[in-house]
Amino acid sequence: DEVFEKHTTHFTVADSQGWWVACTATLNTAFGSKVMIPGTGVMLNNQMDDFSIQPGVPNAFGLIGAEANAIEPGKRPLSSMSPTIVLKDGKPVLTVGASGGPTIITQVVQAIHRFVDLGLPLEQCLGQPRVHHQWSPQEVRIEAGYGADVMEALRERGHQLKASGTGTSQAILLNDDGTFEAIADPRREGRADAR
């Protein structure tokens, strides 16, 4: 989907001194609020779209909110942004985050699941096909690469399938030997550098 390719950026950094950063930044939609800070070139976001303007009314990404996410003083809007640092024995070993609007959470969860639970190499954790469902619209977004048996099993359970991308993830892993492994999502142009 074109809407998931331009407005959010995730970067992640780690060094040998133990400093780790997972940062997701967004304008939210094209040119954000359409307001630029004079003299800086910095555009302001329109994260207010992440609040429910009215119960049952979808936002720019088709997400339908309720009264609990209404605009009120002192509240923060719901957000998909989920930059994550995974710890093992209290020390960082993996950082992962993504862009892709409402698909961000499922991208991050699937990458962590594939690493922690399945023990897959980091490249496969980000490179394997992903699936996303956000309740509304009532469809499962699924990337090419899932077998026909999986697709048929989902259809048999009543799911409506839509062939669709799910955004872009980035990750860094600290290997057992103390070296770093950095991966840029193979779905898009990008660069990962482990020095």
N, C-alpha and C. Protein backbone atom coordinates (compact mmCIF):
# COMPACT_ATOMS: atom_id res chain seq x y z
N ASP A 1 0.84 -1.18 0.00
CA ASP A 1 0.00 0.00 0.00
C ASP A 1 0.88 1.24 0.00
N GLU A 2 0.59 2.13 -0.89
CA GLU A 2 1.38 3.35 -1.05
C GLU A 2 1.43 4.17 0.24
N VAL A 3 0.33 4.18 1.01
CA VAL A 3 0.26 4.98 2.22
C VAL A 3 1.29 4.56 3.27
N PHE A 4 1.78 3.31 3.21
CA PHE A 4 2.70 2.83 4.23
C PHE A 4 4.16 2.99 3.84
N GLU A 5 4.48 3.73 2.79
CA GLU A 5 5.85 3.76 2.30
C GLU A 5 6.59 5.06 2.55
N LYS A 6 5.96 6.10 3.11
CA LYS A 6 6.60 7.40 3.04
C LYS A 6 6.73 8.20 4.33
N HIS A 7 5.94 7.94 5.32
CA HIS A 7 5.75 8.94 6.36
C HIS A 7 6.36 8.61 7.70
N THR A 8 6.77 7.38 7.89
CA THR A 8 7.36 6.96 9.16
C THR A 8 8.74 6.39 8.90
N THR A 9 9.64 6.64 9.82
CA THR A 9 11.00 6.12 9.72
C THR A 9 11.36 5.46 11.04
N HIS A 10 11.98 4.30 10.95
CA HIS A 10 12.52 3.67 12.15
C HIS A 10 14.02 3.49 11.94
N PHE A 11 14.79 3.87 12.95
CA PHE A 11 16.21 3.54 12.91
C PHE A 11 16.61 2.97 14.26
N THR A 12 17.64 2.17 14.22
CA THR A 12 18.12 1.52 15.42
C THR A 12 19.64 1.52 15.41
N VAL A 13 20.22 1.74 16.57
CA VAL A 13 21.68 1.87 16.70
C VAL A 13 22.12 1.17 17.98
N ALA A 14 23.26 0.52 17.93
CA ALA A 14 23.85 -0.09 19.14
C ALA A 14 25.36 0.04 19.02
N ASP A 15 26.04 0.12 20.17
CA ASP A 15 27.51 0.18 20.13
C ASP A 15 28.13 -0.74 21.16
N SER A 16 29.43 -0.88 21.09
CA SER A 16 30.16 -1.81 21.95
C SER A 16 30.22 -1.35 23.41
N GLN A 17 29.84 -0.10 23.68
CA GLN A 17 29.82 0.41 25.04
C GLN A 17 28.51 0.10 25.76
N GLY A 18 27.57 -0.54 25.04
CA GLY A 18 26.29 -0.91 25.66
C GLY A 18 25.17 0.07 25.42
N TRP A 19 25.38 1.05 24.55
CA TRP A 19 24.33 2.01 24.23
C TRP A 19 23.46 1.45 23.10
N TRP A 20 22.17 1.45 23.30
CA TRP A 20 21.21 0.96 22.32
C TRP A 20 20.12 2.00 22.12
N VAL A 21 19.71 2.19 20.87
CA VAL A 21 18.64 3.13 20.55
C VAL A 21 17.68 2.45 19.58
N ALA A 22 16.41 2.58 19.85
CA ALA A 22 15.36 2.19 18.91
C ALA A 22 14.45 3.41 18.79
N CYS A 23 14.39 4.02 17.61
CA CYS A 23 13.66 5.27 17.44
C CYS A 23 12.74 5.19 16.23
N THR A 24 11.46 5.43 16.47
CA THR A 24 10.48 5.52 15.40
C THR A 24 9.94 6.94 15.39
N ALA A 25 10.02 7.59 14.24
CA ALA A 25 9.53 8.96 14.10
C ALA A 25 8.58 9.01 12.91
N THR A 26 7.57 9.86 13.01
CA THR A 26 6.59 9.90 11.93
C THR A 26 6.01 11.29 11.73
N LEU A 27 5.61 11.56 10.50
CA LEU A 27 4.77 12.72 10.20
C LEU A 27 3.30 12.29 10.25
N ASN A 28 3.06 11.02 10.12
CA ASN A 28 1.78 10.33 10.14
C ASN A 28 1.21 10.22 8.74
N THR A 29 0.85 11.32 8.09
CA THR A 29 0.36 11.27 6.72
C THR A 29 1.18 12.25 5.88
N ALA A 30 0.90 12.34 4.60
CA ALA A 30 1.70 13.17 3.70
C ALA A 30 1.88 14.59 4.23
N PHE A 31 3.11 14.96 4.48
CA PHE A 31 3.50 16.27 5.00
C PHE A 31 2.91 16.59 6.36
N GLY A 32 2.48 15.56 7.09
CA GLY A 32 2.00 15.73 8.46
C GLY A 32 0.90 16.76 8.58
N SER A 33 1.11 17.74 9.46
CA SER A 33 0.12 18.79 9.69
C SER A 33 0.15 19.85 8.61
N LYS A 34 1.09 19.71 7.68
CA LYS A 34 1.30 20.68 6.59
C LYS A 34 1.86 22.00 7.13
N VAL A 35 2.45 21.94 8.34
CA VAL A 35 3.05 23.12 8.95
C VAL A 35 4.55 22.88 9.09
N MET A 36 5.36 23.83 8.60
CA MET A 36 6.81 23.73 8.71
C MET A 36 7.29 24.79 9.70
N ILE A 37 8.21 24.41 10.57
CA ILE A 37 8.80 25.38 11.49
C ILE A 37 9.66 26.33 10.65
N PRO A 38 9.35 27.62 10.67
CA PRO A 38 10.06 28.57 9.81
C PRO A 38 11.58 28.50 9.98
N GLY A 39 12.27 28.47 8.84
CA GLY A 39 13.71 28.48 8.83
C GLY A 39 14.39 27.16 9.13
N THR A 40 13.62 26.10 9.35
CA THR A 40 14.24 24.82 9.72
C THR A 40 14.04 23.71 8.70
N GLY A 41 12.98 23.75 7.94
CA GLY A 41 12.65 22.65 7.04
C GLY A 41 12.01 21.48 7.76
N VAL A 42 11.75 21.62 9.07
CA VAL A 42 11.16 20.55 9.86
C VAL A 42 9.64 20.64 9.79
N MET A 43 9.01 19.56 9.33
CA MET A 43 7.56 19.49 9.26
C MET A 43 7.01 18.98 10.59
N LEU A 44 5.88 19.51 11.01
CA LEU A 44 5.21 19.02 12.22
C LEU A 44 4.26 17.89 11.83
N ASN A 45 4.15 16.89 12.70
CA ASN A 45 3.30 15.74 12.39
C ASN A 45 1.82 16.07 12.63
N ASN A 46 0.98 15.12 12.27
CA ASN A 46 -0.45 15.25 12.57
C ASN A 46 -0.92 14.02 13.36
N GLN A 47 -0.22 13.74 14.44
CA GLN A 47 -0.57 12.61 15.28
C GLN A 47 -1.95 12.76 15.91
N MET A 48 -2.54 13.94 15.83
CA MET A 48 -3.90 14.10 16.33
C MET A 48 -4.86 13.15 15.61
N ASP A 49 -4.50 12.72 14.40
CA ASP A 49 -5.32 11.76 13.66
C ASP A 49 -5.40 10.42 14.38
N ASP A 50 -4.48 10.17 15.32
CA ASP A 50 -4.51 8.93 16.07
C ASP A 50 -5.54 8.95 17.20
N PHE A 51 -6.10 10.12 17.51
CA PHE A 51 -7.24 10.20 18.41
C PHE A 51 -8.51 9.84 17.63
N SER A 52 -9.56 9.46 18.33
CA SER A 52 -10.87 9.26 17.70
C SER A 52 -11.54 10.61 17.60
N ILE A 53 -11.77 11.04 16.38
CA ILE A 53 -12.47 12.32 16.21
C ILE A 53 -13.93 12.17 16.62
N GLN A 54 -14.46 10.94 16.43
CA GLN A 54 -15.83 10.62 16.81
C GLN A 54 -15.92 9.09 16.85
N PRO A 55 -16.56 8.51 17.86
CA PRO A 55 -16.66 7.05 17.92
C PRO A 55 -17.22 6.48 16.62
N GLY A 56 -16.54 5.44 16.12
CA GLY A 56 -16.99 4.77 14.91
C GLY A 56 -16.51 5.38 13.61
N VAL A 57 -15.83 6.52 13.67
CA VAL A 57 -15.34 7.19 12.45
C VAL A 57 -13.87 6.82 12.26
N PRO A 58 -13.51 6.25 11.09
CA PRO A 58 -12.13 5.82 10.88
C PRO A 58 -11.17 7.00 10.68
N ASN A 59 -9.90 6.77 11.05
CA ASN A 59 -8.87 7.77 10.80
C ASN A 59 -8.29 7.55 9.41
N ALA A 60 -7.18 8.21 9.10
CA ALA A 60 -6.57 8.13 7.76
C ALA A 60 -6.13 6.72 7.40
N PHE A 61 -5.90 5.85 8.40
CA PHE A 61 -5.43 4.49 8.14
C PHE A 61 -6.56 3.47 8.25
N GLY A 62 -7.80 3.93 8.40
CA GLY A 62 -8.93 3.03 8.50
C GLY A 62 -9.16 2.46 9.89
N LEU A 63 -8.42 2.96 10.87
CA LEU A 63 -8.59 2.48 12.24
C LEU A 63 -9.80 3.17 12.87
N ILE A 64 -10.66 2.40 13.51
CA ILE A 64 -11.87 2.94 14.10
C ILE A 64 -11.69 3.01 15.60
N GLY A 65 -11.80 4.20 16.14
CA GLY A 65 -11.63 4.40 17.57
C GLY A 65 -12.95 4.48 18.31
N ALA A 66 -12.85 4.61 19.61
CA ALA A 66 -14.03 4.69 20.47
C ALA A 66 -13.84 5.85 21.45
N GLU A 67 -14.80 6.00 22.32
CA GLU A 67 -14.80 7.11 23.29
C GLU A 67 -13.53 7.12 24.15
N ALA A 68 -12.97 5.95 24.47
CA ALA A 68 -11.77 5.89 25.31
C ALA A 68 -10.58 6.60 24.66
N ASN A 69 -10.61 6.74 23.34
CA ASN A 69 -9.51 7.41 22.63
C ASN A 69 -9.93 8.79 22.14
N ALA A 70 -10.94 9.39 22.78
CA ALA A 70 -11.40 10.72 22.40
C ALA A 70 -10.35 11.77 22.78
N ILE A 71 -10.37 12.88 22.08
CA ILE A 71 -9.45 13.99 22.37
C ILE A 71 -9.85 14.63 23.69
N GLU A 72 -8.90 14.67 24.64
CA GLU A 72 -9.12 15.31 25.93
C GLU A 72 -7.79 15.86 26.43
N PRO A 73 -7.82 16.91 27.24
CA PRO A 73 -6.57 17.45 27.78
C PRO A 73 -5.78 16.41 28.56
N GLY A 74 -4.48 16.40 28.39
CA GLY A 74 -3.60 15.51 29.14
C GLY A 74 -3.51 14.10 28.62
N LYS A 75 -4.26 13.76 27.57
CA LYS A 75 -4.24 12.41 27.02
C LYS A 75 -3.25 12.32 25.87
N ARG A 76 -2.78 11.11 25.62
CA ARG A 76 -1.96 10.81 24.45
C ARG A 76 -2.79 9.94 23.53
N PRO A 77 -2.66 10.13 22.22
CA PRO A 77 -3.42 9.28 21.31
C PRO A 77 -2.84 7.87 21.24
N LEU A 78 -3.67 6.93 20.83
CA LEU A 78 -3.15 5.59 20.55
C LEU A 78 -2.12 5.70 19.45
N SER A 79 -1.17 4.80 19.45
CA SER A 79 -0.12 4.83 18.43
C SER A 79 0.34 3.41 18.15
N SER A 80 0.70 3.17 16.90
CA SER A 80 1.26 1.88 16.51
C SER A 80 2.76 1.81 16.74
N MET A 81 3.39 2.97 16.90
CA MET A 81 4.84 2.98 17.01
C MET A 81 5.29 2.14 18.20
N SER A 82 6.21 1.23 17.95
CA SER A 82 6.65 0.31 19.00
C SER A 82 8.13 -0.03 18.88
N PRO A 83 9.00 0.99 18.96
CA PRO A 83 10.43 0.68 18.96
C PRO A 83 10.75 -0.18 20.18
N THR A 84 11.48 -1.27 19.96
CA THR A 84 11.64 -2.27 21.01
C THR A 84 13.09 -2.67 21.19
N ILE A 85 13.49 -2.84 22.45
CA ILE A 85 14.79 -3.42 22.79
C ILE A 85 14.51 -4.65 23.64
N VAL A 86 15.00 -5.80 23.18
CA VAL A 86 14.79 -7.07 23.87
C VAL A 86 16.00 -7.34 24.76
N LEU A 87 15.75 -7.70 26.02
CA LEU A 87 16.81 -7.97 26.99
C LEU A 87 16.93 -9.47 27.24
N LYS A 88 18.15 -9.90 27.50
CA LYS A 88 18.42 -11.26 27.96
C LYS A 88 19.33 -11.12 29.17
N ASP A 89 18.91 -11.67 30.29
CA ASP A 89 19.65 -11.53 31.54
C ASP A 89 19.94 -10.07 31.85
N GLY A 90 18.95 -9.20 31.57
CA GLY A 90 19.07 -7.78 31.88
C GLY A 90 19.91 -6.96 30.93
N LYS A 91 20.40 -7.56 29.86
CA LYS A 91 21.26 -6.84 28.89
C LYS A 91 20.61 -6.87 27.51
N PRO A 92 20.71 -5.76 26.76
CA PRO A 92 20.14 -5.72 25.41
C PRO A 92 20.81 -6.74 24.49
N VAL A 93 19.99 -7.45 23.70
CA VAL A 93 20.51 -8.39 22.71
C VAL A 93 19.89 -8.17 21.33
N LEU A 94 18.75 -7.47 21.29
CA LEU A 94 18.06 -7.27 20.03
C LEU A 94 17.28 -5.97 20.09
N THR A 95 17.33 -5.23 19.01
CA THR A 95 16.45 -4.07 18.88
C THR A 95 15.76 -4.16 17.54
N VAL A 96 14.47 -3.85 17.54
CA VAL A 96 13.68 -3.94 16.31
C VAL A 96 12.57 -2.90 16.35
N GLY A 97 12.25 -2.38 15.18
CA GLY A 97 11.16 -1.43 15.03
C GLY A 97 10.77 -1.37 13.57
N ALA A 98 9.73 -0.59 13.27
CA ALA A 98 9.21 -0.62 11.91
C ALA A 98 8.50 0.67 11.54
N SER A 99 8.24 0.79 10.25
CA SER A 99 7.31 1.77 9.72
C SER A 99 6.20 0.99 9.06
N GLY A 100 5.07 1.63 8.82
CA GLY A 100 3.97 0.92 8.17
C GLY A 100 2.63 1.13 8.83
N GLY A 101 2.43 2.29 9.47
CA GLY A 101 1.12 2.59 10.04
C GLY A 101 0.66 1.52 11.00
N PRO A 102 -0.58 1.05 10.86
CA PRO A 102 -1.12 0.08 11.82
C PRO A 102 -0.45 -1.29 11.76
N THR A 103 0.39 -1.54 10.75
CA THR A 103 1.07 -2.84 10.66
C THR A 103 2.34 -2.89 11.50
N ILE A 104 2.74 -1.77 12.08
CA ILE A 104 4.00 -1.72 12.83
C ILE A 104 4.02 -2.75 13.96
N ILE A 105 2.98 -2.79 14.76
CA ILE A 105 2.96 -3.69 15.92
C ILE A 105 3.10 -5.14 15.48
N THR A 106 2.36 -5.55 14.45
CA THR A 106 2.45 -6.95 14.03
C THR A 106 3.80 -7.27 13.42
N GLN A 107 4.42 -6.31 12.74
CA GLN A 107 5.77 -6.54 12.22
C GLN A 107 6.76 -6.80 13.35
N VAL A 108 6.71 -5.95 14.37
CA VAL A 108 7.64 -6.07 15.50
C VAL A 108 7.39 -7.38 16.25
N VAL A 109 6.14 -7.69 16.53
CA VAL A 109 5.81 -8.91 17.26
C VAL A 109 6.25 -10.14 16.47
N GLN A 110 6.01 -10.16 15.16
CA GLN A 110 6.40 -11.32 14.37
C GLN A 110 7.92 -11.47 14.32
N ALA A 111 8.65 -10.37 14.23
CA ALA A 111 10.12 -10.45 14.24
C ALA A 111 10.62 -11.00 15.58
N ILE A 112 10.09 -10.51 16.68
CA ILE A 112 10.50 -10.98 18.00
C ILE A 112 10.12 -12.45 18.19
N HIS A 113 8.92 -12.82 17.80
CA HIS A 113 8.48 -14.22 17.91
C HIS A 113 9.41 -15.15 17.12
N ARG A 114 9.74 -14.74 15.93
CA ARG A 114 10.61 -15.59 15.10
C ARG A 114 12.01 -15.72 15.68
N PHE A 115 12.46 -14.67 16.36
CA PHE A 115 13.79 -14.71 16.97
C PHE A 115 13.77 -15.47 18.30
N VAL A 116 12.90 -15.05 19.21
CA VAL A 116 12.89 -15.60 20.57
C VAL A 116 12.31 -17.01 20.60
N ASP A 117 11.16 -17.20 19.99
CA ASP A 117 10.45 -18.48 20.09
C ASP A 117 10.89 -19.51 19.07
N LEU A 118 11.19 -19.06 17.85
CA LEU A 118 11.54 -20.00 16.79
C LEU A 118 13.04 -20.12 16.57
N GLY A 119 13.82 -19.18 17.12
CA GLY A 119 15.28 -19.23 17.00
C GLY A 119 15.79 -19.04 15.58
N LEU A 120 15.04 -18.30 14.76
CA LEU A 120 15.45 -18.10 13.37
C LEU A 120 16.58 -17.08 13.29
N PRO A 121 17.40 -17.17 12.25
CA PRO A 121 18.42 -16.13 12.02
C PRO A 121 17.73 -14.78 11.80
N LEU A 122 18.39 -13.70 12.18
CA LEU A 122 17.79 -12.37 12.12
C LEU A 122 17.30 -12.03 10.72
N GLU A 123 18.04 -12.40 9.70
CA GLU A 123 17.63 -12.11 8.33
C GLU A 123 16.26 -12.74 8.02
N GLN A 124 16.01 -13.94 8.50
CA GLN A 124 14.73 -14.60 8.29
C GLN A 124 13.63 -13.98 9.17
N CYS A 125 14.01 -13.51 10.34
CA CYS A 125 13.02 -12.89 11.23
C CYS A 125 12.36 -11.69 10.54
N LEU A 126 13.13 -10.94 9.78
CA LEU A 126 12.59 -9.79 9.07
C LEU A 126 12.14 -10.15 7.65
N GLY A 127 12.77 -11.13 7.03
CA GLY A 127 12.52 -11.41 5.63
C GLY A 127 11.37 -12.34 5.32
N GLN A 128 10.97 -13.16 6.29
CA GLN A 128 9.86 -14.08 6.01
C GLN A 128 8.56 -13.31 5.81
N PRO A 129 7.61 -13.91 5.08
CA PRO A 129 6.33 -13.23 4.85
C PRO A 129 5.63 -12.90 6.17
N ARG A 130 4.87 -11.81 6.13
CA ARG A 130 4.15 -11.37 7.32
C ARG A 130 2.65 -11.33 7.04
N VAL A 131 1.91 -11.33 8.12
CA VAL A 131 0.46 -11.27 8.06
C VAL A 131 -0.01 -10.20 9.05
N HIS A 132 -1.11 -9.52 8.72
CA HIS A 132 -1.63 -8.45 9.58
C HIS A 132 -3.15 -8.44 9.53
N HIS A 133 -3.77 -8.27 10.70
CA HIS A 133 -5.22 -8.10 10.79
C HIS A 133 -5.48 -7.01 11.83
N GLN A 134 -6.27 -6.01 11.49
CA GLN A 134 -6.53 -4.93 12.44
C GLN A 134 -8.00 -4.80 12.80
N TRP A 135 -8.80 -5.82 12.58
CA TRP A 135 -10.22 -5.85 12.89
C TRP A 135 -11.05 -5.12 11.84
N SER A 136 -10.71 -3.90 11.53
CA SER A 136 -11.45 -3.17 10.51
C SER A 136 -10.45 -2.49 9.59
N PRO A 137 -10.50 -2.71 8.32
CA PRO A 137 -11.48 -3.54 7.62
C PRO A 137 -11.31 -5.01 7.98
N GLN A 138 -12.38 -5.76 7.84
CA GLN A 138 -12.40 -7.17 8.23
C GLN A 138 -11.70 -8.02 7.17
N GLU A 139 -10.37 -7.91 7.15
CA GLU A 139 -9.57 -8.66 6.18
C GLU A 139 -8.21 -8.95 6.78
N VAL A 140 -7.60 -10.00 6.29
CA VAL A 140 -6.25 -10.36 6.70
C VAL A 140 -5.32 -9.94 5.57
N ARG A 141 -4.42 -9.01 5.88
CA ARG A 141 -3.40 -8.62 4.90
C ARG A 141 -2.29 -9.66 4.98
N ILE A 142 -1.96 -10.24 3.85
CA ILE A 142 -0.99 -11.32 3.84
C ILE A 142 -0.01 -11.11 2.69
N GLU A 143 1.26 -11.26 2.99
CA GLU A 143 2.29 -11.10 1.97
C GLU A 143 2.47 -12.38 1.17
N ALA A 144 2.92 -12.20 -0.05
CA ALA A 144 3.24 -13.35 -0.90
C ALA A 144 4.31 -14.19 -0.20
N GLY A 145 4.23 -15.48 -0.39
CA GLY A 145 5.21 -16.38 0.21
C GLY A 145 4.61 -17.38 1.15
N TYR A 146 3.39 -17.10 1.65
CA TYR A 146 2.71 -18.11 2.44
C TYR A 146 2.23 -19.19 1.48
N GLY A 147 2.30 -20.43 1.90
CA GLY A 147 1.88 -21.53 1.06
C GLY A 147 0.38 -21.56 0.84
N ALA A 148 -0.03 -22.25 -0.22
CA ALA A 148 -1.45 -22.38 -0.53
C ALA A 148 -2.21 -23.04 0.62
N ASP A 149 -1.56 -23.95 1.35
CA ASP A 149 -2.23 -24.61 2.47
C ASP A 149 -2.58 -23.63 3.59
N VAL A 150 -1.70 -22.68 3.85
CA VAL A 150 -1.96 -21.66 4.87
C VAL A 150 -3.10 -20.76 4.41
N MET A 151 -3.04 -20.34 3.15
CA MET A 151 -4.08 -19.46 2.61
C MET A 151 -5.44 -20.15 2.68
N GLU A 152 -5.49 -21.42 2.30
CA GLU A 152 -6.75 -22.16 2.32
C GLU A 152 -7.25 -22.34 3.75
N ALA A 153 -6.36 -22.64 4.68
CA ALA A 153 -6.75 -22.80 6.08
C ALA A 153 -7.35 -21.51 6.63
N LEU A 154 -6.80 -20.36 6.27
CA LEU A 154 -7.35 -19.07 6.71
C LEU A 154 -8.73 -18.84 6.10
N ARG A 155 -8.87 -19.13 4.81
CA ARG A 155 -10.18 -18.97 4.16
C ARG A 155 -11.22 -19.88 4.80
N GLU A 156 -10.84 -21.14 5.11
CA GLU A 156 -11.77 -22.08 5.73
C GLU A 156 -12.25 -21.58 7.09
N ARG A 157 -11.44 -20.77 7.74
CA ARG A 157 -11.82 -20.20 9.05
C ARG A 157 -12.63 -18.91 8.88
N GLY A 158 -12.93 -18.56 7.63
CA GLY A 158 -13.78 -17.40 7.38
C GLY A 158 -13.05 -16.10 7.12
N HIS A 159 -11.74 -16.12 7.03
CA HIS A 159 -10.99 -14.88 6.80
C HIS A 159 -11.04 -14.46 5.34
N GLN A 160 -11.19 -13.16 5.15
CA GLN A 160 -11.05 -12.57 3.83
C GLN A 160 -9.60 -12.17 3.68
N LEU A 161 -8.93 -12.67 2.65
CA LEU A 161 -7.51 -12.40 2.47
C LEU A 161 -7.29 -11.29 1.44
N LYS A 162 -6.30 -10.46 1.73
CA LYS A 162 -5.91 -9.39 0.80
C LYS A 162 -4.40 -9.45 0.65
N ALA A 163 -3.94 -9.65 -0.58
CA ALA A 163 -2.50 -9.62 -0.84
C ALA A 163 -2.03 -8.19 -0.63
N SER A 164 -1.09 -8.00 0.30
CA SER A 164 -0.69 -6.65 0.66
C SER A 164 0.65 -6.67 1.38
N GLY A 165 1.41 -5.61 1.23
CA GLY A 165 2.63 -5.43 2.00
C GLY A 165 2.30 -5.00 3.41
N THR A 166 3.29 -5.07 4.29
CA THR A 166 3.03 -4.71 5.69
C THR A 166 4.03 -3.71 6.25
N GLY A 167 4.79 -3.02 5.42
CA GLY A 167 5.71 -2.03 5.95
C GLY A 167 7.15 -2.51 5.94
N THR A 168 7.98 -1.85 6.72
CA THR A 168 9.42 -2.09 6.70
C THR A 168 9.98 -2.13 8.11
N SER A 169 10.75 -3.17 8.43
CA SER A 169 11.35 -3.34 9.75
C SER A 169 12.87 -3.19 9.67
N GLN A 170 13.48 -2.85 10.79
CA GLN A 170 14.94 -2.77 10.92
C GLN A 170 15.31 -3.42 12.25
N ALA A 171 16.48 -4.07 12.30
CA ALA A 171 16.87 -4.74 13.55
C ALA A 171 18.38 -4.83 13.69
N ILE A 172 18.82 -4.93 14.93
CA ILE A 172 20.22 -5.20 15.27
C ILE A 172 20.23 -6.29 16.34
N LEU A 173 21.13 -7.24 16.16
CA LEU A 173 21.31 -8.34 17.10
C LEU A 173 22.73 -8.32 17.63
N LEU A 174 22.88 -8.54 18.93
CA LEU A 174 24.20 -8.75 19.53
C LEU A 174 24.40 -10.26 19.62
N ASN A 175 25.33 -10.77 18.82
CA ASN A 175 25.61 -12.21 18.81
C ASN A 175 26.32 -12.63 20.08
N ASP A 176 26.33 -13.93 20.36
CA ASP A 176 26.98 -14.47 21.55
C ASP A 176 28.47 -14.16 21.59
N ASP A 177 29.10 -13.99 20.41
CA ASP A 177 30.54 -13.70 20.36
C ASP A 177 30.86 -12.21 20.50
N GLY A 178 29.82 -11.39 20.77
CA GLY A 178 30.04 -9.96 20.98
C GLY A 178 29.98 -9.12 19.71
N THR A 179 29.76 -9.73 18.56
CA THR A 179 29.65 -8.98 17.31
C THR A 179 28.19 -8.59 17.07
N PHE A 180 28.02 -7.53 16.31
CA PHE A 180 26.67 -7.07 15.96
C PHE A 180 26.29 -7.57 14.58
N GLU A 181 25.00 -7.81 14.41
CA GLU A 181 24.43 -8.14 13.12
C GLU A 181 23.30 -7.14 12.88
N ALA A 182 23.37 -6.40 11.79
CA ALA A 182 22.36 -5.40 11.48
C ALA A 182 21.63 -5.81 10.20
N ILE A 183 20.30 -5.69 10.21
CA ILE A 183 19.49 -6.10 9.07
C ILE A 183 18.51 -4.98 8.70
N ALA A 184 18.54 -4.62 7.42
CA ALA A 184 17.52 -3.74 6.86
C ALA A 184 16.50 -4.62 6.15
N ASP A 185 15.25 -4.31 6.29
CA ASP A 185 14.19 -5.11 5.69
C ASP A 185 14.43 -5.29 4.19
N PRO A 186 14.41 -6.52 3.70
CA PRO A 186 14.67 -6.75 2.28
C PRO A 186 13.54 -6.28 1.37
N ARG A 187 12.41 -5.85 1.92
CA ARG A 187 11.28 -5.41 1.10
C ARG A 187 11.50 -4.04 0.47
N ARG A 188 12.41 -3.27 1.01
CA ARG A 188 12.62 -1.90 0.54
C ARG A 188 14.12 -1.63 0.40
N GLU A 189 14.41 -0.53 -0.27
CA GLU A 189 15.79 -0.09 -0.29
C GLU A 189 16.16 0.33 1.12
N GLY A 190 17.33 0.02 1.53
CA GLY A 190 17.77 0.38 2.87
C GLY A 190 19.16 -0.15 3.09
N ARG A 191 19.74 0.23 4.18
CA ARG A 191 21.11 -0.16 4.46
C ARG A 191 21.26 -0.48 5.93
N ALA A 192 21.94 -1.57 6.18
CA ALA A 192 22.30 -1.93 7.55
C ALA A 192 23.81 -2.04 7.59
N ASP A 193 24.42 -1.53 8.64
CA ASP A 193 25.86 -1.54 8.73
C ASP A 193 26.27 -1.97 10.12
N ALA A 194 27.02 -3.05 10.21
CA ALA A 194 27.54 -3.51 11.49
C ALA A 194 29.06 -3.39 11.45
N ARG A 195 29.59 -2.43 12.15
CA ARG A 195 31.04 -2.23 12.19
C ARG A 195 31.56 -2.51 13.56
